[in-house]
Amino acid sequence: MVVKRSLRTRSDWCLPPVPAGQCPLCSRPLVPGFSVDEHHLVPRSKGGRVKETVHRICHRKIHATFSEKELARDFHTWESLRTHPAIASFIRWVAQKPPEFYRRNVTSSERR
């Protein structure tokens, strides 16, 4: 999305409000702000249209662990994502963190 420079610096311009609820991956509460993101269960490049609100750290972990082809083919439901060992380990770790927690360097060394 392209935003005019004057709008980018305004403090009242921010992401749209997040619906109240829980993250479908880690089940922690969603708090409006920069700690949330939207995730397409089936990637847009593979024809996905439906998106859901998740924590940004959860979203980054999903995409650090799986390719778009894997997401479209095998991991297009929340249940299938939660059963993968790397994601299950991540969920146990992130469950101890506050809902607003975000760390930029969550990556997977397995894909390199």
PDB file of N, CA and C in Angstrom:
ATOM      1  N   MET A   1       0.847  -1.166   0.000  1.00  0.00           N
ATOM      2  CA  MET A   1       0.000   0.000   0.000  1.00  0.00           C
ATOM      3  C   MET A   1       0.898   1.235   0.000  1.00  0.00           C
ATOM      4  N   VAL A   2       0.604   2.161  -0.878  1.00  0.00           N
ATOM      5  CA  VAL A   2       1.371   3.391  -0.970  1.00  0.00           C
ATOM      6  C   VAL A   2       0.646   4.462  -0.170  1.00  0.00           C
ATOM      7  N   VAL A   3       1.385   5.110   0.715  1.00  0.00           N
ATOM      8  CA  VAL A   3       0.814   6.147   1.564  1.00  0.00           C
ATOM      9  C   VAL A   3       1.657   7.402   1.393  1.00  0.00           C
ATOM     10  N   LYS A   4       0.989   8.538   1.271  1.00  0.00           N
ATOM     11  CA  LYS A   4       1.714   9.800   1.131  1.00  0.00           C
ATOM     12  C   LYS A   4       2.635  10.011   2.324  1.00  0.00           C
ATOM     13  N   ARG A   5       3.769  10.630   2.057  1.00  0.00           N
ATOM     14  CA  ARG A   5       4.746  10.865   3.116  1.00  0.00           C
ATOM     15  C   ARG A   5       4.127  11.645   4.278  1.00  0.00           C
ATOM     16  N   SER A   6       3.268  12.615   3.982  1.00  0.00           N
ATOM     17  CA  SER A   6       2.657  13.410   5.050  1.00  0.00           C
ATOM     18  C   SER A   6       1.762  12.554   5.941  1.00  0.00           C
ATOM     19  N   LEU A   7       1.150  11.516   5.371  1.00  0.00           N
ATOM     20  CA  LEU A   7       0.305  10.639   6.177  1.00  0.00           C
ATOM     21  C   LEU A   7       1.129   9.647   6.991  1.00  0.00           C
ATOM     22  N   ARG A   8       2.277   9.221   6.449  1.00  0.00           N
ATOM     23  CA  ARG A   8       3.112   8.253   7.159  1.00  0.00           C
ATOM     24  C   ARG A   8       3.637   8.791   8.470  1.00  0.00           C
ATOM     25  N   THR A   9       3.840  10.088   8.560  1.00  0.00           N
ATOM     26  CA  THR A   9       4.412  10.663   9.774  1.00  0.00           C
ATOM     27  C   THR A   9       3.352  11.097  10.778  1.00  0.00           C
ATOM     28  N   ARG A  10       2.094  11.088  10.389  1.00  0.00           N
ATOM     29  CA  ARG A  10       1.042  11.491  11.320  1.00  0.00           C
ATOM     30  C   ARG A  10       0.822  10.410  12.363  1.00  0.00           C
ATOM     31  N   SER A  11       0.620  10.813  13.596  1.00  0.00           N
ATOM     32  CA  SER A  11       0.453   9.846  14.679  1.00  0.00           C
ATOM     33  C   SER A  11      -0.928   9.196  14.670  1.00  0.00           C
ATOM     34  N   ASP A  12      -1.931   9.843  14.044  1.00  0.00           N
ATOM     35  CA  ASP A  12      -3.267   9.263  14.041  1.00  0.00           C
ATOM     36  C   ASP A  12      -3.460   8.249  12.924  1.00  0.00           C
ATOM     37  N   TRP A  13      -2.459   8.110  12.018  1.00  0.00           N
ATOM     38  CA  TRP A  13      -2.556   7.110  10.960  1.00  0.00           C
ATOM     39  C   TRP A  13      -1.947   5.824  11.471  1.00  0.00           C
ATOM     40  N   CYS A  14      -2.706   4.759  11.480  1.00  0.00           N
ATOM     41  CA  CYS A  14      -2.190   3.478  11.935  1.00  0.00           C
ATOM     42  C   CYS A  14      -2.967   2.360  11.262  1.00  0.00           C
ATOM     43  N   LEU A  15      -2.674   1.144  11.641  1.00  0.00           N
ATOM     44  CA  LEU A  15      -3.347  -0.004  11.075  1.00  0.00           C
ATOM     45  C   LEU A  15      -4.820  -0.005  11.467  1.00  0.00           C
ATOM     46  N   PRO A  16      -5.680  -0.640  10.661  1.00  0.00           N
ATOM     47  CA  PRO A  16      -7.088  -0.721  11.030  1.00  0.00           C
ATOM     48  C   PRO A  16      -7.270  -1.483  12.332  1.00  0.00           C
ATOM     49  N   PRO A  17      -8.365  -1.217  13.051  1.00  0.00           N
ATOM     50  CA  PRO A  17      -8.566  -1.895  14.329  1.00  0.00           C
ATOM     51  C   PRO A  17      -8.668  -3.407  14.148  1.00  0.00           C
ATOM     52  N   VAL A  18      -8.165  -4.117  15.125  1.00  0.00           N
ATOM     53  CA  VAL A  18      -8.178  -5.572  15.096  1.00  0.00           C
ATOM     54  C   VAL A  18      -9.424  -6.062  15.817  1.00  0.00           C
ATOM     55  N   PRO A  19     -10.119  -7.031  15.240  1.00  0.00           N
ATOM     56  CA  PRO A  19     -11.265  -7.574  15.962  1.00  0.00           C
ATOM     57  C   PRO A  19     -10.811  -8.238  17.259  1.00  0.00           C
ATOM     58  N   ALA A  20     -11.610  -8.083  18.291  1.00  0.00           N
ATOM     59  CA  ALA A  20     -11.263  -8.693  19.576  1.00  0.00           C
ATOM     60  C   ALA A  20     -11.271 -10.204  19.432  1.00  0.00           C
ATOM     61  N   GLY A  21     -10.410 -10.843  20.144  1.00  0.00           N
ATOM     62  CA  GLY A  21     -10.370 -12.299  20.089  1.00  0.00           C
ATOM     63  C   GLY A  21      -8.995 -12.829  20.365  1.00  0.00           C
ATOM     64  N   GLN A  22      -8.774 -14.040  19.894  1.00  0.00           N
ATOM     65  CA  GLN A  22      -7.519 -14.721  20.130  1.00  0.00           C
ATOM     66  C   GLN A  22      -6.828 -15.022  18.812  1.00  0.00           C
ATOM     67  N   CYS A  23      -5.536 -15.180  18.900  1.00  0.00           N
ATOM     68  CA  CYS A  23      -4.745 -15.601  17.745  1.00  0.00           C
ATOM     69  C   CYS A  23      -5.115 -17.050  17.442  1.00  0.00           C
ATOM     70  N   PRO A  24      -5.457 -17.363  16.206  1.00  0.00           N
ATOM     71  CA  PRO A  24      -5.835 -18.738  15.892  1.00  0.00           C
ATOM     72  C   PRO A  24      -4.673 -19.726  15.968  1.00  0.00           C
ATOM     73  N   LEU A  25      -3.446 -19.243  16.017  1.00  0.00           N
ATOM     74  CA  LEU A  25      -2.300 -20.152  16.114  1.00  0.00           C
ATOM     75  C   LEU A  25      -1.915 -20.412  17.564  1.00  0.00           C
ATOM     76  N   CYS A  26      -1.666 -19.346  18.333  1.00  0.00           N
ATOM     77  CA  CYS A  26      -1.141 -19.521  19.702  1.00  0.00           C
ATOM     78  C   CYS A  26      -2.201 -19.344  20.786  1.00  0.00           C
ATOM     79  N   SER A  27      -3.382 -18.880  20.432  1.00  0.00           N
ATOM     80  CA  SER A  27      -4.511 -18.685  21.363  1.00  0.00           C
ATOM     81  C   SER A  27      -4.296 -17.600  22.395  1.00  0.00           C
ATOM     82  N   ARG A  28      -3.278 -16.744  22.211  1.00  0.00           N
ATOM     83  CA  ARG A  28      -3.118 -15.589  23.102  1.00  0.00           C
ATOM     84  C   ARG A  28      -4.040 -14.481  22.616  1.00  0.00           C
ATOM     85  N   PRO A  29      -4.449 -13.555  23.494  1.00  0.00           N
ATOM     86  CA  PRO A  29      -5.334 -12.466  23.073  1.00  0.00           C
ATOM     87  C   PRO A  29      -4.656 -11.543  22.061  1.00  0.00           C
ATOM     88  N   LEU A  30      -5.425 -11.029  21.124  1.00  0.00           N
ATOM     89  CA  LEU A  30      -4.930 -10.070  20.141  1.00  0.00           C
ATOM     90  C   LEU A  30      -5.123  -8.659  20.688  1.00  0.00           C
ATOM     91  N   VAL A  31      -4.072  -7.863  20.630  1.00  0.00           N
ATOM     92  CA  VAL A  31      -4.108  -6.484  21.101  1.00  0.00           C
ATOM     93  C   VAL A  31      -3.872  -5.585  19.887  1.00  0.00           C
ATOM     94  N   PRO A  32      -4.780  -4.641  19.606  1.00  0.00           N
ATOM     95  CA  PRO A  32      -4.593  -3.775  18.438  1.00  0.00           C
ATOM     96  C   PRO A  32      -3.250  -3.050  18.486  1.00  0.00           C
ATOM     97  N   GLY A  33      -2.636  -2.911  17.329  1.00  0.00           N
ATOM     98  CA  GLY A  33      -1.352  -2.230  17.245  1.00  0.00           C
ATOM     99  C   GLY A  33      -0.415  -2.940  16.293  1.00  0.00           C
ATOM    100  N   PHE A  34       0.866  -2.679  16.458  1.00  0.00           N
ATOM    101  CA  PHE A  34       1.850  -3.238  15.540  1.00  0.00           C
ATOM    102  C   PHE A  34       2.206  -4.689  15.832  1.00  0.00           C
ATOM    103  N   SER A  35       1.649  -5.268  16.871  1.00  0.00           N
ATOM    104  CA  SER A  35       1.956  -6.663  17.174  1.00  0.00           C
ATOM    105  C   SER A  35       1.032  -7.633  16.452  1.00  0.00           C
ATOM    106  N   VAL A  36       0.149  -7.133  15.575  1.00  0.00           N
ATOM    107  CA  VAL A  36      -0.772  -8.004  14.845  1.00  0.00           C
ATOM    108  C   VAL A  36      -0.543  -7.883  13.337  1.00  0.00           C
ATOM    109  N   ASP A  37      -0.934  -8.922  12.642  1.00  0.00           N
ATOM    110  CA  ASP A  37      -0.766  -9.010  11.196  1.00  0.00           C
ATOM    111  C   ASP A  37      -1.930  -9.813  10.629  1.00  0.00           C
ATOM    112  N   GLU A  38      -2.057  -9.832   9.310  1.00  0.00           N
ATOM    113  CA  GLU A  38      -3.074 -10.653   8.667  1.00  0.00           C
ATOM    114  C   GLU A  38      -2.383 -11.766   7.895  1.00  0.00           C
ATOM    115  N   HIS A  39      -2.948 -12.961   7.972  1.00  0.00           N
ATOM    116  CA  HIS A  39      -2.351 -14.131   7.321  1.00  0.00           C
ATOM    117  C   HIS A  39      -3.382 -14.795   6.423  1.00  0.00           C
ATOM    118  N   HIS A  40      -2.973 -15.111   5.197  1.00  0.00           N
ATOM    119  CA  HIS A  40      -3.797 -15.904   4.283  1.00  0.00           C
ATOM    120  C   HIS A  40      -3.436 -17.367   4.519  1.00  0.00           C
ATOM    121  N   LEU A  41      -4.401 -18.183   4.899  1.00  0.00           N
ATOM    122  CA  LEU A  41      -4.108 -19.601   5.106  1.00  0.00           C
ATOM    123  C   LEU A  41      -3.604 -20.239   3.822  1.00  0.00           C
ATOM    124  N   VAL A  42      -4.246 -19.931   2.714  1.00  0.00           N
ATOM    125  CA  VAL A  42      -3.732 -20.307   1.399  1.00  0.00           C
ATOM    126  C   VAL A  42      -3.117 -19.035   0.835  1.00  0.00           C
ATOM    127  N   PRO A  43      -1.825 -19.038   0.513  1.00  0.00           N
ATOM    128  CA  PRO A  43      -1.167 -17.815   0.043  1.00  0.00           C
ATOM    129  C   PRO A  43      -1.880 -17.193  -1.159  1.00  0.00           C
ATOM    130  N   ARG A  44      -1.843 -15.884  -1.235  1.00  0.00           N
ATOM    131  CA  ARG A  44      -2.479 -15.177  -2.342  1.00  0.00           C
ATOM    132  C   ARG A  44      -1.933 -15.634  -3.679  1.00  0.00           C
ATOM    133  N   SER A  45      -0.645 -15.931  -3.738  1.00  0.00           N
ATOM    134  CA  SER A  45      -0.043 -16.382  -4.991  1.00  0.00           C
ATOM    135  C   SER A  45      -0.583 -17.743  -5.437  1.00  0.00           C
ATOM    136  N   LYS A  46      -1.183 -18.478  -4.518  1.00  0.00           N
ATOM    137  CA  LYS A  46      -1.759 -19.787  -4.825  1.00  0.00           C
ATOM    138  C   LYS A  46      -3.283 -19.736  -4.865  1.00  0.00           C
ATOM    139  N   GLY A  47      -3.851 -18.523  -4.941  1.00  0.00           N
ATOM    140  CA  GLY A  47      -5.297 -18.370  -5.081  1.00  0.00           C
ATOM    141  C   GLY A  47      -6.060 -18.120  -3.798  1.00  0.00           C
ATOM    142  N   GLY A  48      -5.382 -17.928  -2.689  1.00  0.00           N
ATOM    143  CA  GLY A  48      -6.058 -17.696  -1.414  1.00  0.00           C
ATOM    144  C   GLY A  48      -6.639 -16.297  -1.322  1.00  0.00           C
ATOM    145  N   ARG A  49      -7.795 -16.194  -0.717  1.00  0.00           N
ATOM    146  CA  ARG A  49      -8.453 -14.899  -0.549  1.00  0.00           C
ATOM    147  C   ARG A  49      -8.784 -14.602   0.909  1.00  0.00           C
ATOM    148  N   VAL A  50      -9.066 -15.631   1.669  1.00  0.00           N
ATOM    149  CA  VAL A  50      -9.482 -15.453   3.068  1.00  0.00           C
ATOM    150  C   VAL A  50      -8.257 -15.165   3.923  1.00  0.00           C
ATOM    151  N   LYS A  51      -8.353 -14.108   4.742  1.00  0.00           N
ATOM    152  CA  LYS A  51      -7.252 -13.780   5.643  1.00  0.00           C
ATOM    153  C   LYS A  51      -7.775 -13.664   7.067  1.00  0.00           C
ATOM    154  N   GLU A  52      -6.909 -13.976   8.008  1.00  0.00           N
ATOM    155  CA  GLU A  52      -7.260 -13.905   9.420  1.00  0.00           C
ATOM    156  C   GLU A  52      -6.195 -13.129  10.165  1.00  0.00           C
ATOM    157  N   THR A  53      -6.591 -12.512  11.259  1.00  0.00           N
ATOM    158  CA  THR A  53      -5.684 -11.714  12.067  1.00  0.00           C
ATOM    159  C   THR A  53      -4.938 -12.620  13.042  1.00  0.00           C
ATOM    160  N   VAL A  54      -3.613 -12.477  13.050  1.00  0.00           N
ATOM    161  CA  VAL A  54      -2.742 -13.255  13.937  1.00  0.00           C
ATOM    162  C   VAL A  54      -1.685 -12.324  14.520  1.00  0.00           C
ATOM    163  N   HIS A  55      -0.959 -12.795  15.515  1.00  0.00           N
ATOM    164  CA  HIS A  55       0.175 -12.020  16.017  1.00  0.00           C
ATOM    165  C   HIS A  55       1.239 -11.940  14.934  1.00  0.00           C
ATOM    166  N   ARG A  56       1.931 -10.830  14.866  1.00  0.00           N
ATOM    167  CA  ARG A  56       2.981 -10.649  13.872  1.00  0.00           C
ATOM    168  C   ARG A  56       4.086 -11.695  14.048  1.00  0.00           C
ATOM    169  N   ILE A  57       4.445 -12.006  15.277  1.00  0.00           N
ATOM    170  CA  ILE A  57       5.508 -12.985  15.516  1.00  0.00           C
ATOM    171  C   ILE A  57       5.075 -14.377  15.052  1.00  0.00           C
ATOM    172  N   CYS A  58       3.801 -14.705  15.226  1.00  0.00           N
ATOM    173  CA  CYS A  58       3.277 -15.996  14.749  1.00  0.00           C
ATOM    174  C   CYS A  58       3.290 -16.032  13.223  1.00  0.00           C
ATOM    175  N   HIS A  59       2.887 -14.939  12.610  1.00  0.00           N
ATOM    176  CA  HIS A  59       2.862 -14.848  11.146  1.00  0.00           C
ATOM    177  C   HIS A  59       4.262 -15.029  10.574  1.00  0.00           C
ATOM    178  N   ARG A  60       5.236 -14.358  11.160  1.00  0.00           N
ATOM    179  CA  ARG A  60       6.612 -14.468  10.667  1.00  0.00           C
ATOM    180  C   ARG A  60       7.160 -15.888  10.854  1.00  0.00           C
ATOM    181  N   LYS A  61       6.800 -16.544  11.946  1.00  0.00           N
ATOM    182  CA  LYS A  61       7.262 -17.913  12.177  1.00  0.00           C
ATOM    183  C   LYS A  61       6.683 -18.865  11.131  1.00  0.00           C
ATOM    184  N   ILE A  62       5.419 -18.686  10.797  1.00  0.00           N
ATOM    185  CA  ILE A  62       4.793 -19.529   9.775  1.00  0.00           C
ATOM    186  C   ILE A  62       5.557 -19.411   8.460  1.00  0.00           C
ATOM    187  N   HIS A  63       5.815 -18.168   8.024  1.00  0.00           N
ATOM    188  CA  HIS A  63       6.471 -17.965   6.742  1.00  0.00           C
ATOM    189  C   HIS A  63       7.973 -18.269   6.789  1.00  0.00           C
ATOM    190  N   ALA A  64       8.570 -18.251   7.974  1.00  0.00           N
ATOM    191  CA  ALA A  64       9.977 -18.635   8.096  1.00  0.00           C
ATOM    192  C   ALA A  64      10.134 -20.149   8.047  1.00  0.00           C
ATOM    193  N   THR A  65       9.088 -20.874   8.390  1.00  0.00           N
ATOM    194  CA  THR A  65       9.154 -22.321   8.463  1.00  0.00           C
ATOM    195  C   THR A  65       8.727 -23.005   7.165  1.00  0.00           C
ATOM    196  N   PHE A  66       7.707 -22.440   6.495  1.00  0.00           N
ATOM    197  CA  PHE A  66       7.128 -23.100   5.324  1.00  0.00           C
ATOM    198  C   PHE A  66       7.234 -22.237   4.079  1.00  0.00           C
ATOM    199  N   SER A  67       7.371 -22.897   2.933  1.00  0.00           N
ATOM    200  CA  SER A  67       7.294 -22.182   1.660  1.00  0.00           C
ATOM    201  C   SER A  67       5.812 -21.977   1.330  1.00  0.00           C
ATOM    202  N   GLU A  68       5.538 -21.138   0.359  1.00  0.00           N
ATOM    203  CA  GLU A  68       4.143 -20.912  -0.037  1.00  0.00           C
ATOM    204  C   GLU A  68       3.527 -22.179  -0.609  1.00  0.00           C
ATOM    205  N   LYS A  69       4.326 -22.954  -1.308  1.00  0.00           N
ATOM    206  CA  LYS A  69       3.835 -24.215  -1.872  1.00  0.00           C
ATOM    207  C   LYS A  69       3.430 -25.177  -0.759  1.00  0.00           C
ATOM    208  N   GLU A  70       4.252 -25.278   0.298  1.00  0.00           N
ATOM    209  CA  GLU A  70       3.924 -26.147   1.439  1.00  0.00           C
ATOM    210  C   GLU A  70       2.672 -25.658   2.156  1.00  0.00           C
ATOM    211  N   LEU A  71       2.553 -24.348   2.321  1.00  0.00           N
ATOM    212  CA  LEU A  71       1.368 -23.799   2.985  1.00  0.00           C
ATOM    213  C   LEU A  71       0.103 -24.135   2.199  1.00  0.00           C
ATOM    214  N   ALA A  72       0.143 -23.970   0.895  1.00  0.00           N
ATOM    215  CA  ALA A  72      -1.041 -24.233   0.068  1.00  0.00           C
ATOM    216  C   ALA A  72      -1.382 -25.718   0.039  1.00  0.00           C
ATOM    217  N   ARG A  73      -0.358 -26.568  -0.016  1.00  0.00           N
ATOM    218  CA  ARG A  73      -0.583 -27.999  -0.182  1.00  0.00           C
ATOM    219  C   ARG A  73      -0.899 -28.714   1.134  1.00  0.00           C
ATOM    220  N   ASP A  74      -0.112 -28.465   2.184  1.00  0.00           N
ATOM    221  CA  ASP A  74      -0.205 -29.274   3.403  1.00  0.00           C
ATOM    222  C   ASP A  74      -0.652 -28.532   4.657  1.00  0.00           C
ATOM    223  N   PHE A  75      -0.409 -27.242   4.722  1.00  0.00           N
ATOM    224  CA  PHE A  75      -0.628 -26.513   5.980  1.00  0.00           C
ATOM    225  C   PHE A  75      -1.602 -25.351   5.799  1.00  0.00           C
ATOM    226  N   HIS A  76      -2.760 -25.616   5.218  1.00  0.00           N
ATOM    227  CA  HIS A  76      -3.744 -24.564   4.966  1.00  0.00           C
ATOM    228  C   HIS A  76      -4.865 -24.537   6.015  1.00  0.00           C
ATOM    229  N   THR A  77      -4.671 -25.248   7.127  1.00  0.00           N
ATOM    230  CA  THR A  77      -5.593 -25.156   8.260  1.00  0.00           C
ATOM    231  C   THR A  77      -4.778 -24.876   9.516  1.00  0.00           C
ATOM    232  N   TRP A  78      -5.429 -24.284  10.508  1.00  0.00           N
ATOM    233  CA  TRP A  78      -4.737 -23.978  11.764  1.00  0.00           C
ATOM    234  C   TRP A  78      -4.338 -25.257  12.481  1.00  0.00           C
ATOM    235  N   GLU A  79      -5.177 -26.293  12.405  1.00  0.00           N
ATOM    236  CA  GLU A  79      -4.865 -27.552  13.072  1.00  0.00           C
ATOM    237  C   GLU A  79      -3.603 -28.183  12.488  1.00  0.00           C
ATOM    238  N   SER A  80      -3.489 -28.173  11.164  1.00  0.00           N
ATOM    239  CA  SER A  80      -2.304 -28.772  10.549  1.00  0.00           C
ATOM    240  C   SER A  80      -1.049 -27.962  10.883  1.00  0.00           C
ATOM    241  N   LEU A  81      -1.165 -26.655  10.984  1.00  0.00           N
ATOM    242  CA  LEU A  81      -0.022 -25.831  11.374  1.00  0.00           C
ATOM    243  C   LEU A  81       0.414 -26.158  12.800  1.00  0.00           C
ATOM    244  N   ARG A  82      -0.560 -26.260  13.716  1.00  0.00           N
ATOM    245  CA  ARG A  82      -0.239 -26.516  15.122  1.00  0.00           C
ATOM    246  C   ARG A  82       0.412 -27.877  15.354  1.00  0.00           C
ATOM    247  N   THR A  83       0.160 -28.851  14.473  1.00  0.00           N
ATOM    248  CA  THR A  83       0.705 -30.195  14.677  1.00  0.00           C
ATOM    249  C   THR A  83       2.145 -30.335  14.188  1.00  0.00           C
ATOM    250  N   HIS A  84       2.640 -29.407  13.400  1.00  0.00           N
ATOM    251  CA  HIS A  84       4.020 -29.487  12.925  1.00  0.00           C
ATOM    252  C   HIS A  84       4.957 -29.273  14.115  1.00  0.00           C
ATOM    253  N   PRO A  85       5.998 -30.089  14.253  1.00  0.00           N
ATOM    254  CA  PRO A  85       6.884 -30.004  15.438  1.00  0.00           C
ATOM    255  C   PRO A  85       7.519 -28.630  15.659  1.00  0.00           C
ATOM    256  N   ALA A  86       7.962 -27.965  14.604  1.00  0.00           N
ATOM    257  CA  ALA A  86       8.600 -26.650  14.769  1.00  0.00           C
ATOM    258  C   ALA A  86       7.593 -25.610  15.257  1.00  0.00           C
ATOM    259  N   ILE A  87       6.384 -25.655  14.749  1.00  0.00           N
ATOM    260  CA  ILE A  87       5.345 -24.704  15.166  1.00  0.00           C
ATOM    261  C   ILE A  87       4.878 -25.035  16.577  1.00  0.00           C
ATOM    262  N   ALA A  88       4.727 -26.324  16.896  1.00  0.00           N
ATOM    263  CA  ALA A  88       4.315 -26.722  18.251  1.00  0.00           C
ATOM    264  C   ALA A  88       5.335 -26.245  19.284  1.00  0.00           C
ATOM    265  N   SER A  89       6.605 -26.370  18.971  1.00  0.00           N
ATOM    266  CA  SER A  89       7.658 -25.886  19.867  1.00  0.00           C
ATOM    267  C   SER A  89       7.593 -24.373  20.016  1.00  0.00           C
ATOM    268  N   PHE A  90       7.372 -23.679  18.909  1.00  0.00           N
ATOM    269  CA  PHE A  90       7.238 -22.215  18.938  1.00  0.00           C
ATOM    270  C   PHE A  90       6.043 -21.793  19.791  1.00  0.00           C
ATOM    271  N   ILE A  91       4.912 -22.479  19.660  1.00  0.00           N
ATOM    272  CA  ILE A  91       3.708 -22.129  20.432  1.00  0.00           C
ATOM    273  C   ILE A  91       3.969 -22.294  21.925  1.00  0.00           C
ATOM    274  N   ARG A  92       4.657 -23.361  22.306  1.00  0.00           N
ATOM    275  CA  ARG A  92       5.001 -23.552  23.736  1.00  0.00           C
ATOM    276  C   ARG A  92       5.874 -22.400  24.229  1.00  0.00           C
ATOM    277  N   TRP A  93       6.817 -21.959  23.399  1.00  0.00           N
ATOM    278  CA  TRP A  93       7.714 -20.870  23.785  1.00  0.00           C
ATOM    279  C   TRP A  93       6.967 -19.535  23.869  1.00  0.00           C
ATOM    280  N   VAL A  94       6.164 -19.212  22.864  1.00  0.00           N
ATOM    281  CA  VAL A  94       5.521 -17.902  22.806  1.00  0.00           C
ATOM    282  C   VAL A  94       4.350 -17.791  23.787  1.00  0.00           C
ATOM    283  N   ALA A  95       3.828 -18.909  24.265  1.00  0.00           N
ATOM    284  CA  ALA A  95       2.717 -18.879  25.218  1.00  0.00           C
ATOM    285  C   ALA A  95       3.099 -18.168  26.516  1.00  0.00           C
ATOM    286  N   GLN A  96       4.386 -18.116  26.827  1.00  0.00           N
ATOM    287  CA  GLN A  96       4.876 -17.472  28.047  1.00  0.00           C
ATOM    288  C   GLN A  96       5.043 -15.959  27.893  1.00  0.00           C
ATOM    289  N   LYS A  97       4.903 -15.464  26.670  1.00  0.00           N
ATOM    290  CA  LYS A  97       5.152 -14.049  26.372  1.00  0.00           C
ATOM    291  C   LYS A  97       3.854 -13.250  26.444  1.00  0.00           C
ATOM    292  N   PRO A  98       3.951 -11.935  26.703  1.00  0.00           N
ATOM    293  CA  PRO A  98       2.743 -11.092  26.699  1.00  0.00           C
ATOM    294  C   PRO A  98       2.175 -10.970  25.280  1.00  0.00           C
ATOM    295  N   PRO A  99       0.886 -10.632  25.145  1.00  0.00           N
ATOM    296  CA  PRO A  99       0.245 -10.553  23.820  1.00  0.00           C
ATOM    297  C   PRO A  99       0.900  -9.561  22.863  1.00  0.00           C
ATOM    298  N   GLU A 100       1.530  -8.501  23.381  1.00  0.00           N
ATOM    299  CA  GLU A 100       2.139  -7.486  22.514  1.00  0.00           C
ATOM    300  C   GLU A 100       3.570  -7.850  22.115  1.00  0.00           C
ATOM    301  N   PHE A 101       4.089  -8.974  22.597  1.00  0.00           N
ATOM    302  CA  PHE A 101       5.479  -9.353  22.355  1.00  0.00           C
ATOM    303  C   PHE A 101       5.749  -9.524  20.870  1.00  0.00           C
ATOM    304  N   TYR A 102       6.882  -8.958  20.419  1.00  0.00           N
ATOM    305  CA  TYR A 102       7.321  -9.132  19.040  1.00  0.00           C
ATOM    306  C   TYR A 102       8.837  -9.073  19.001  1.00  0.00           C
ATOM    307  N   ARG A 103       9.445 -10.030  18.338  1.00  0.00           N
ATOM    308  CA  ARG A 103      10.886 -10.047  18.154  1.00  0.00           C
ATOM    309  C   ARG A 103      11.157 -10.259  16.679  1.00  0.00           C
ATOM    310  N   ARG A 104      11.927  -9.373  16.086  1.00  0.00           N
ATOM    311  CA  ARG A 104      12.138  -9.379  14.643  1.00  0.00           C
ATOM    312  C   ARG A 104      12.932 -10.560  14.126  1.00  0.00           C
ATOM    313  N   ASN A 105      13.772 -11.142  14.925  1.00  0.00           N
ATOM    314  CA  ASN A 105      14.702 -12.125  14.401  1.00  0.00           C
ATOM    315  C   ASN A 105      14.231 -13.571  14.533  1.00  0.00           C
ATOM    316  N   VAL A 106      12.939 -13.813  14.481  1.00  0.00           N
ATOM    317  CA  VAL A 106      12.433 -15.176  14.511  1.00  0.00           C
ATOM    318  C   VAL A 106      12.517 -15.737  13.095  1.00  0.00           C
ATOM    319  N   THR A 107      13.466 -16.611  12.882  1.00  0.00           N
ATOM    320  CA  THR A 107      13.651 -17.225  11.574  1.00  0.00           C
ATOM    321  C   THR A 107      13.893 -18.713  11.750  1.00  0.00           C
ATOM    322  N   SER A 108      13.899 -19.411  10.677  1.00  0.00           N
ATOM    323  CA  SER A 108      14.156 -20.835  10.726  1.00  0.00           C
ATOM    324  C   SER A 108      15.450 -21.137  10.004  1.00  0.00           C
ATOM    325  N   SER A 109      16.346 -21.841  10.659  1.00  0.00           N
ATOM    326  CA  SER A 109      17.602 -22.206  10.027  1.00  0.00           C
ATOM    327  C   SER A 109      17.423 -23.448   9.151  1.00  0.00           C
ATOM    328  N   GLU A 110      16.282 -24.133   9.283  1.00  0.00           N
ATOM    329  CA  GLU A 110      16.039 -25.355   8.525  1.00  0.00           C
ATOM    330  C   GLU A 110      15.828 -25.080   7.036  1.00  0.00           C
ATOM    331  N   ARG A 111      15.344 -23.913   6.671  1.00  0.00           N
ATOM    332  CA  ARG A 111      15.058 -23.618   5.272  1.00  0.00           C
ATOM    333  C   ARG A 111      16.283 -23.121   4.535  1.00  0.00           C
ATOM    334  N   ARG A 112      17.366 -22.806   5.220  1.00  0.00           N
ATOM    335  CA  ARG A 112      18.549 -22.242   4.563  1.00  0.00           C
ATOM    336  C   ARG A 112      19.405 -23.294   3.927  1.00  0.00           C
TER     337      ARG A 112
END
